[in-house]
Amino acid sequence: MSFDRDTDKFRTFGRAKGRRLSPHMQTVWDETFPKLKWDMAAPLPDGELWLEIGFGGAEHLLWQAQNHADIHLIGAEPFLNGVAKAVRGAHDASLENLSLHHGDVRELLVALPDQSLSKIFVLFPDPWPKVRHHKRRLLRAKFIAELHRVLKPGGELRFASDIIHYVDWTLSRLKRHGGWDFTHTESSEWRVRGEDWPGTRYEAKAGREGRPCHYFKFARIN
């Protein structure tokens, strides 16, 4: 099953813009975002390439880029204010191994060659809890197949959610696809983030509101 951007047009995210950028942030954006914007037509950078889908406030994205200078990381996010936080963080830390896509990640994925990514992060995606909105959930069969296509054999997919029925939804579709190996051996392993997985403000909010978070790692097989 392949991803088709012409027939899979459901919006998978909520609002795309929040507060107006401050004058200072607008200046940083104007100067920095063009340098960070991912060029889908350009040759891929050398070395490992990672992708974070829907990075929200950019805490995890920036931490990974700062702590893995030997890889190149792409962050895809439709929400302008979230991208602005990533732009400001990259500017302040003088990051040279980070690129940003402001928009629907599906536009980016269809332009990536097969087996071009070593790691993909899908952390706390919008669960679209109402049944009539399930068609908008990101981790549907076509999207999972597209992640499998662009990930290298043995590459890692990380998924996290604080909504248990979305966890069940996602796990059942990954299993149905058949191209993923669940790397955990004990249930306790997916109840903690583990190493090399920093927390985010959304995760902290879920904890304060009494929603336990679940953290999963999958490896691409076949």
Foldseek 3Di string as FASTA:
>chain_A
DADDCVVLPFAQADDQEDDDDDPVLVVLCVVQQVVQADDLPDDDDPDAEEEEEACAQCPLVLVLQVVCVRAAYEYEHQHVVSVSNVSVSCVVVVGDRYHYHHRHCVVNLVSAQFQRHQEYEYEAGDLLPDPVCNSSHQQDLNNLVSVLRNHHAFGKYKYKHLDVVSVVVNVVSVVVNPFKDFPDDDQVVQQDQDPSGDDDPVQVVCVVVPRGMTMTMIGTHD
